[in-house]
């Protein structure tokens, strides 16, 4: 629903750190190989296609880096470039294309493997078992479980010592080496991007770091093990939204690095609106008990509008926001007392700007930067705009 916004320098830093972490990691030996020596990288190359044709080692590592770390794509401005589109050899390679390269492999989406014509049940059962085994090994090879903790490789400390900027990055994160929690802190995301209702943050208790957030895999590990450690497949979210997404097609949701209610490739703007629950004409003053919350777009005939509504339906956004009656009643009461004409009088009397007066009378954060998010930010902004226009 809201965008994940990261400044250019932070984006570059986390991509470099993530790739160096992955490079050190992929040289480790596969834990399941007892007879022969095989690295995680060799196993990945055997099982994950990153092109229509067989790639040499240099080309494969280049695309593997793009798969794991993302790459600056194409767009009109810096935020548009912060996407998973991966320009490679003159073409735009995306998660979707990498997935198509692998879609015919037995391990891909192993849960939904179909039985082949004339395939005996025992053979199919064995094939499904091998597919499930390959999924688990790919998840280990890409290393999400290792990313949950700090690296402990011998040559990792050597790399750190030769990169002074990483020491600064580490000191800014209380001495922690690269892991999921450091990534979460680097993104500076304070509110769940899917629902914009819940604060998400990390805190420390008894010297132990804890999170109120979970790291959602936009494309789930169980079906897309090759994306289990992809930097831009990891979406910090609240526990409620992460649980809802677990069993649902990820393409049904908005992808927070590229799509939101306010900014998306289709230029569709979705807004919260209140409507009477008896469908009568909306008249002010009104209480939250008399209303329901609806999401409306500036072009309901656009196909992306349908995606917005479908995604909101899966997350029950309209139903959940309708239950925020305390917040809505507070907003309605404040507007009744301090509408646009009353605010204008106060601005003249006190010498305050209109923007500051709005924040004061409606209880909105004062002095926050444009990229800082707070719960219900868009909801309150949209309803206030509606009140100004319709009351």
Foldseek 3Di string as FASTA:
>chain_A
DAALDADPVLLVVVLVQQVVVLVLQQQDFQPPDDPDTDGLVRLCLVQFDQDPDRDPPVLVVVSLSCLQRNDQDDDDDDLQRQDSFHDDPNDTDGPVNSLVSRVPPCLAQLVPDDDDPPDDPVNVVVSSVVSQVSLVSLLVSSPQVVLQAADDDPCVVVVPVVDVVVVVLCVVVVNGHGHPQSLVVSSVAQAFQQQLADGWHWDDDPNDIDIQWDWAQLQDSSRCVSNSNRSQSTGTHGPLVSVLSPPDDSVLAARNSADDLCGHPVRKHKAKEWAAPVRDDDDPDDALVRTFIDIDIPDCPDPVVVSVVSNCVSSVNRVVVSVVRVLVRLQSVLCVVCPPVNLVVVCVVVVDDSVVSCCVSSVHDPPDDPPHGHRCVRVSVRHSVVVNPPD
